[in-house]
Amino acid sequence: MTLHSMTGFARTQDQALDRSWTWEVRSVNGRGLEVRNRLPAGFEGLEIAVRERVGQMFKRGNFWLTLAVMRMPGQATVRINYALLNDVLAILPGIQKQLPDLRPPSVDGILALRGIVEPVEEDISEERRAALEAGILETLGNALSSLADMRRQEGAYLADVIRDHVRRIETLCADAGALAAAQPGAVLKRIREQLRTLVEASSSLTEERLTQEAAVLAARADPREEIDRLKAHCDAAVTLLGSNGPVGRRLDFLCQEFNREANTLCAKSVNVELTQIGLELKSTIDQLREQVQNIE
C-alpha cells in the first residue's frame, strides 16, 4: 500500500471546435474533502460534475480548480457598432464648431465610448456545447490523474519519513525500558520516602493502609506500562502503513495516543536519563505528527 499525500498541483490543456481551455488543479491539507471551483462565465453548469469527479478520486484535502476557456486565434470576440459610430462621427463637427479650442478626439477615445465596441455574443448549439463540455471534463480527468500521481509520489516519500520516526520511537522505548528495569532501587527509595512522609503526617495509618499506599505509589512510579503501550502503538502504526485505503485520520489519532503515553512517562520519571528520553520521545512524536498531517 502506498500512502497518498494531500499536497499536489497539476495543469492540463486541450482544444476543440473553436475553443482552447486550461485546467489548473491544486490541493493542500484538509480535515475532510473541500472543493472550490473558479469557472468562467457560461460554464457554471459544470460545477456539480467537477465536484463529483474530485470526490470519486480523492477522500481528503482542500482543492482549488481553475478553468480558463479562450477562443482560438482568428475568431472574432468583439465587433464595431457602426450605426452608433456613424452617429457619433456625425455630431463631432457641430461640437468642434461650438468648441473650437477643444482638441479633436482620438480614434482610441472614440472606440472607448460605451457601445462602440461590443462583445460578440456566443452562438453555439446545444450539441456543440455538450461536446465542448465533454472535452473540458475529459481534460479535467487528466488533470486529476496527474494530481493523484503527484500525491502518490509525495506519499511514498512521507511513508519512508514516517517509518523512520516510528523506528526512532521504538529505539527510545527500548532505551526507556532498560532504564526502568535497571533502576528498581530508585523507585523503591522514592516509595519509602513517600511512605515515611505519610507516617509522619498521620500516626493512625494501619499496616494495611500503608501497603495499599505503597502499591499505589509503586504503580505511579513504574513507567513500564506506558512503554508497553508505546510499543503497541508502534506496531499499530506499521500495520496502518501497510493497509489499504486512506489512513491519515487513524494515524493522526494514533499520534495523540503516542503523545499521551509520552507525557505520562515523563510524569513518572524518577531520574534525569529517563526524563531526557521522554522529552526526545515527545519531540519525535511531534515530528511524526507533522508528517501525518499531510497524509490522505
Protein backbone atom coordinates (compact mmCIF):
# COMPACT_ATOMS: atom_id res chain seq x y z
CA MET A 1 0.00 0.00 0.00
CA THR A 2 1.34 3.44 -0.99
CA LEU A 3 0.37 6.39 1.14
CA HIS A 4 -1.04 9.43 -0.61
CA SER A 5 -0.09 12.97 0.31
CA MET A 6 -2.74 15.69 0.28
CA THR A 7 -0.45 18.21 -1.44
CA GLY A 8 -0.09 18.48 -5.20
CA PHE A 9 -0.51 20.55 -8.36
CA ALA A 10 -1.42 19.73 -11.97
CA ARG A 11 -2.03 21.70 -15.16
CA THR A 12 -3.51 20.35 -18.38
CA GLN A 13 -4.83 21.94 -21.56
CA ASP A 14 -6.60 20.94 -24.76
CA GLN A 15 -8.63 22.39 -27.60
CA ALA A 16 -11.60 21.50 -29.79
CA LEU A 17 -14.04 23.26 -32.10
CA ASP A 18 -13.15 26.95 -31.83
CA ARG A 19 -12.06 26.87 -28.17
CA SER A 20 -8.97 26.09 -26.15
CA TRP A 21 -9.02 25.54 -22.40
CA THR A 22 -6.70 25.04 -19.47
CA TRP A 23 -7.27 23.40 -16.09
CA GLU A 24 -5.15 24.19 -13.05
CA VAL A 25 -5.72 21.98 -10.03
CA ARG A 26 -4.01 22.11 -6.65
CA SER A 27 -4.65 20.54 -3.28
CA VAL A 28 -3.40 21.03 0.27
CA ASN A 29 -4.07 19.51 3.68
CA GLY A 30 -7.64 19.37 4.91
CA ARG A 31 -9.63 17.65 7.63
CA GLY A 32 -12.16 16.46 5.04
CA LEU A 33 -12.84 16.96 1.34
CA GLU A 34 -13.49 20.54 0.24
CA VAL A 35 -13.66 21.64 -3.39
CA ARG A 36 -13.55 25.24 -4.64
CA ASN A 37 -14.06 25.99 -8.34
CA ARG A 38 -13.35 29.03 -10.43
CA LEU A 39 -15.29 28.60 -13.66
CA PRO A 40 -15.65 31.20 -16.43
CA ALA A 41 -18.99 32.74 -17.35
CA GLY A 42 -21.13 30.35 -19.31
CA PHE A 43 -19.59 27.22 -17.78
CA GLU A 44 -21.12 27.38 -14.31
CA GLY A 45 -23.15 24.28 -15.18
CA LEU A 46 -20.00 22.17 -14.81
CA GLU A 47 -19.89 22.80 -11.05
CA ILE A 48 -21.65 19.60 -9.98
CA ALA A 49 -19.78 17.38 -12.45
CA VAL A 50 -16.44 18.81 -11.30
CA ARG A 51 -17.21 18.12 -7.64
CA GLU A 52 -18.33 14.58 -8.44
CA ARG A 53 -15.10 13.79 -10.29
CA VAL A 54 -12.96 15.09 -7.46
CA GLY A 55 -14.97 13.09 -4.93
CA GLN A 56 -14.58 9.91 -6.98
CA MET A 57 -10.77 10.12 -6.91
CA PHE A 58 -9.95 11.70 -3.54
CA LYS A 59 -11.13 11.37 0.05
CA ARG A 60 -9.40 14.24 1.85
CA GLY A 61 -7.85 17.62 1.07
CA ASN A 62 -8.72 21.18 0.15
CA PHE A 63 -8.93 21.50 -3.64
CA TRP A 64 -8.81 24.61 -5.86
CA LEU A 65 -9.74 24.12 -9.53
CA THR A 66 -9.48 26.90 -12.11
CA LEU A 67 -10.77 26.65 -15.68
CA ALA A 68 -9.79 29.15 -18.40
CA VAL A 69 -11.56 28.96 -21.76
CA MET A 70 -10.41 31.00 -24.76
CA ARG A 71 -11.41 31.32 -28.37
CA MET A 72 -8.96 30.08 -30.92
CA PRO A 73 -6.81 32.69 -32.73
CA GLY A 74 -8.61 34.21 -35.69
CA GLN A 75 -12.02 34.01 -34.05
CA ALA A 76 -13.58 37.43 -33.58
CA THR A 77 -14.52 38.19 -29.99
CA VAL A 78 -15.66 41.81 -30.49
CA ARG A 79 -17.38 43.85 -33.22
CA ILE A 80 -17.87 47.51 -34.07
CA ASN A 81 -21.33 49.02 -33.78
CA TYR A 82 -21.07 51.04 -36.99
CA ALA A 83 -24.52 52.54 -36.61
CA LEU A 84 -23.57 54.11 -33.30
CA LEU A 85 -20.12 55.03 -34.59
CA ASN A 86 -21.60 56.87 -37.55
CA ASP A 87 -23.94 58.79 -35.25
CA VAL A 88 -21.01 59.87 -33.10
CA LEU A 89 -18.94 60.93 -36.10
CA ALA A 90 -21.92 62.89 -37.46
CA ILE A 91 -22.22 65.09 -34.39
CA LEU A 92 -18.50 65.70 -33.93
CA PRO A 93 -18.26 68.62 -36.49
CA GLY A 94 -21.02 70.50 -34.69
CA ILE A 95 -19.30 70.04 -31.32
CA GLN A 96 -15.95 71.20 -32.74
CA LYS A 97 -17.62 74.28 -34.27
CA GLN A 98 -19.14 75.28 -30.93
CA LEU A 99 -15.93 74.49 -29.04
CA PRO A 100 -13.08 75.48 -31.39
CA ASP A 101 -10.45 75.19 -28.65
CA LEU A 102 -11.39 71.58 -27.97
CA ARG A 103 -8.77 69.12 -29.11
CA PRO A 104 -10.10 66.73 -31.80
CA PRO A 105 -10.98 63.32 -30.38
CA SER A 106 -8.58 60.46 -30.97
CA VAL A 107 -9.52 57.14 -32.51
CA ASP A 108 -8.93 55.23 -29.29
CA GLY A 109 -11.02 57.80 -27.43
CA ILE A 110 -13.96 57.27 -29.78
CA LEU A 111 -13.64 53.49 -29.61
CA ALA A 112 -13.64 53.70 -25.83
CA LEU A 113 -17.16 55.17 -25.84
CA ARG A 114 -19.69 52.76 -24.44
CA GLY A 115 -21.44 50.75 -27.13
CA ILE A 116 -18.98 51.41 -29.94
CA VAL A 117 -17.07 48.17 -29.39
CA GLU A 118 -19.38 45.29 -28.47
CA PRO A 119 -18.54 41.73 -27.42
CA VAL A 120 -19.64 39.08 -29.88
CA GLU A 121 -22.39 37.08 -28.28
CA GLU A 122 -21.58 33.40 -28.19
CA ASP A 123 -23.83 31.48 -30.56
CA ILE A 124 -23.37 27.75 -30.01
CA SER A 125 -25.81 24.91 -30.45
CA GLU A 126 -26.70 22.54 -27.63
CA GLU A 127 -24.90 19.71 -29.41
CA ARG A 128 -21.68 21.71 -29.78
CA ARG A 129 -21.85 22.91 -26.18
CA ALA A 130 -22.34 19.34 -24.96
CA ALA A 131 -19.31 18.22 -26.98
CA LEU A 132 -17.28 21.15 -25.69
CA GLU A 133 -18.16 20.45 -22.06
CA ALA A 134 -17.43 16.75 -22.51
CA GLY A 135 -13.95 17.62 -23.78
CA ILE A 136 -13.38 20.01 -20.89
CA LEU A 137 -14.38 17.35 -18.37
CA GLU A 138 -12.14 14.80 -20.05
CA THR A 139 -9.22 17.19 -19.68
CA LEU A 140 -10.17 17.66 -16.05
CA GLY A 141 -9.91 13.89 -15.60
CA ASN A 142 -6.37 14.03 -16.97
CA ALA A 143 -5.51 16.85 -14.58
CA LEU A 144 -6.90 14.96 -11.60
CA SER A 145 -4.94 11.84 -12.63
CA SER A 146 -1.74 13.89 -12.78
CA LEU A 147 -2.55 15.36 -9.38
CA ALA A 148 -3.15 11.87 -7.97
CA ASP A 149 0.24 10.74 -9.32
CA MET A 150 1.97 13.66 -7.63
CA ARG A 151 0.18 12.97 -4.35
CA ARG A 152 1.16 9.30 -4.63
CA GLN A 153 4.83 10.15 -5.19
CA GLU A 154 4.82 12.56 -2.26
CA GLY A 155 3.04 9.94 -0.17
CA ALA A 156 5.76 7.36 -0.88
CA TYR A 157 8.37 9.80 0.41
CA LEU A 158 6.28 10.58 3.50
CA ALA A 159 5.86 6.86 4.21
CA ASP A 160 9.64 6.47 4.46
CA VAL A 161 9.89 9.50 6.74
CA ILE A 162 7.09 8.19 8.98
CA ARG A 163 8.69 4.74 9.20
CA ASP A 164 11.95 6.38 10.29
CA HIS A 165 10.12 8.25 13.06
CA VAL A 166 8.39 5.06 14.22
CA ARG A 167 11.70 3.21 14.30
CA ARG A 168 13.16 6.04 16.36
CA ILE A 169 10.27 5.78 18.81
CA GLU A 170 10.85 2.02 19.08
CA THR A 171 14.53 2.64 19.87
CA LEU A 172 13.67 5.21 22.52
CA CYS A 173 11.13 2.82 24.05
CA ALA A 174 13.82 0.14 24.29
CA ASP A 175 16.15 2.61 25.99
CA ALA A 176 13.40 3.70 28.38
CA GLY A 177 12.57 0.08 29.16
CA ALA A 178 16.19 -0.68 30.00
CA LEU A 179 16.34 2.26 32.39
CA ALA A 180 13.05 1.35 34.05
CA ALA A 181 14.17 -2.23 34.59
CA ALA A 182 17.69 -1.31 35.77
CA GLN A 183 16.66 1.15 38.45
CA PRO A 184 14.22 -0.58 40.82
CA GLY A 185 16.23 0.74 43.75
CA ALA A 186 15.49 4.34 42.81
CA VAL A 187 11.78 3.57 42.59
CA LEU A 188 11.84 1.75 45.93
CA LYS A 189 13.72 4.60 47.57
CA ARG A 190 11.17 7.07 46.32
CA ILE A 191 8.30 4.95 47.64
CA ARG A 192 9.93 4.63 51.08
CA GLU A 193 10.41 8.37 51.30
CA GLN A 194 6.79 8.98 50.36
CA LEU A 195 5.58 6.39 52.90
CA ARG A 196 7.72 7.98 55.61
CA THR A 197 6.04 11.29 54.81
CA LEU A 198 2.63 9.65 55.14
CA VAL A 199 3.52 8.10 58.51
CA GLU A 200 4.80 11.39 59.85
CA ALA A 201 1.64 13.13 58.67
CA SER A 202 -0.71 10.64 60.31
CA SER A 203 0.09 8.20 63.11
CA SER A 204 -3.28 6.47 62.66
CA LEU A 205 -2.26 4.75 59.41
CA THR A 206 -2.51 0.95 59.68
CA GLU A 207 -0.14 -1.53 58.08
CA GLU A 208 -2.86 -2.49 55.60
CA ARG A 209 -3.33 1.13 54.62
CA LEU A 210 0.42 1.60 54.22
CA THR A 211 0.54 -1.48 51.99
CA GLN A 212 -2.24 -0.04 49.83
CA GLU A 213 -0.47 3.31 49.58
CA ALA A 214 2.78 1.57 48.67
CA ALA A 215 1.03 -0.31 45.88
CA VAL A 216 -0.45 2.92 44.53
CA LEU A 217 2.87 4.73 44.67
CA ALA A 218 4.68 1.84 43.03
CA ALA A 219 2.18 1.82 40.17
CA ARG A 220 2.51 5.55 39.73
CA ALA A 221 6.31 5.34 39.66
CA ASP A 222 6.55 2.43 37.21
CA PRO A 223 6.62 3.60 33.56
CA ARG A 224 6.73 0.11 32.04
CA GLU A 225 3.01 0.11 31.28
CA GLU A 226 3.37 3.30 29.23
CA ILE A 227 6.43 1.87 27.47
CA ASP A 228 4.47 -1.26 26.55
CA ARG A 229 1.64 0.84 25.14
CA LEU A 230 4.10 2.94 23.14
CA LYS A 231 5.49 -0.27 21.62
CA ALA A 232 1.97 -1.40 20.80
CA HIS A 233 1.27 1.94 19.12
CA CYS A 234 4.42 1.48 17.01
CA ASP A 235 3.12 -1.90 15.86
CA ALA A 236 -0.24 -0.31 15.04
CA ALA A 237 1.47 2.42 13.01
CA VAL A 238 3.42 -0.12 10.97
CA THR A 239 0.19 -2.04 10.32
CA LEU A 240 -1.58 1.12 9.15
CA LEU A 241 1.28 1.98 6.80
CA GLY A 242 0.72 -1.36 5.09
CA SER A 243 -3.08 -1.25 4.97
CA ASN A 244 -5.37 -0.29 2.11
CA GLY A 245 -7.33 2.94 1.84
CA PRO A 246 -6.82 6.39 3.40
CA VAL A 247 -5.16 6.08 6.82
CA GLY A 248 -4.35 9.71 7.61
CA ARG A 249 -7.09 10.17 10.21
CA ARG A 250 -6.20 6.95 12.03
CA LEU A 251 -2.51 7.82 12.04
CA ASP A 252 -3.36 11.25 13.42
CA PHE A 253 -5.39 9.66 16.24
CA LEU A 254 -2.51 7.29 16.93
CA CYS A 255 -0.16 10.26 17.28
CA GLN A 256 -2.43 11.63 20.00
CA GLU A 257 -2.11 8.31 21.85
CA PHE A 258 1.65 8.35 21.38
CA ASN A 259 1.80 11.81 22.93
CA ARG A 260 -0.44 10.82 25.84
CA GLU A 261 1.84 7.93 26.81
CA ALA A 262 4.99 10.04 26.42
CA ASN A 263 3.54 12.70 28.72
CA THR A 264 2.74 10.09 31.37
CA LEU A 265 6.20 8.59 31.00
CA CYS A 266 7.77 11.98 31.72
CA ALA A 267 5.46 12.46 34.72
CA LYS A 268 6.54 9.09 36.18
CA SER A 269 10.24 9.60 35.54
CA VAL A 270 12.47 9.16 38.60
CA ASN A 271 15.78 10.11 37.01
CA VAL A 272 17.28 12.54 34.54
CA GLU A 273 18.09 9.95 31.88
CA LEU A 274 14.51 8.69 31.68
CA THR A 275 13.20 12.26 31.56
CA GLN A 276 15.53 13.06 28.67
CA ILE A 277 14.27 10.01 26.79
CA GLY A 278 10.71 11.08 27.46
CA LEU A 279 11.40 14.55 26.09
CA GLU A 280 13.06 13.12 22.99
CA LEU A 281 10.05 10.86 22.56
CA LYS A 282 7.77 13.89 22.63
CA SER A 283 9.94 15.68 20.07
CA THR A 284 9.96 12.67 17.74
CA ILE A 285 6.20 12.24 18.10
CA ASP A 286 5.68 15.90 17.20
CA GLN A 287 7.79 15.40 14.07
CA LEU A 288 5.79 12.28 13.26
CA ARG A 289 2.51 14.13 13.60
CA GLU A 290 3.69 16.96 11.34
CA GLN A 291 4.21 14.41 8.57
CA VAL A 292 0.99 12.56 9.31
CA GLN A 293 -0.95 15.81 8.84
CA ASN A 294 -0.05 15.57 5.13
CA ILE A 295 -1.43 12.03 4.66
CA GLU A 296 -4.80 11.46 3.00
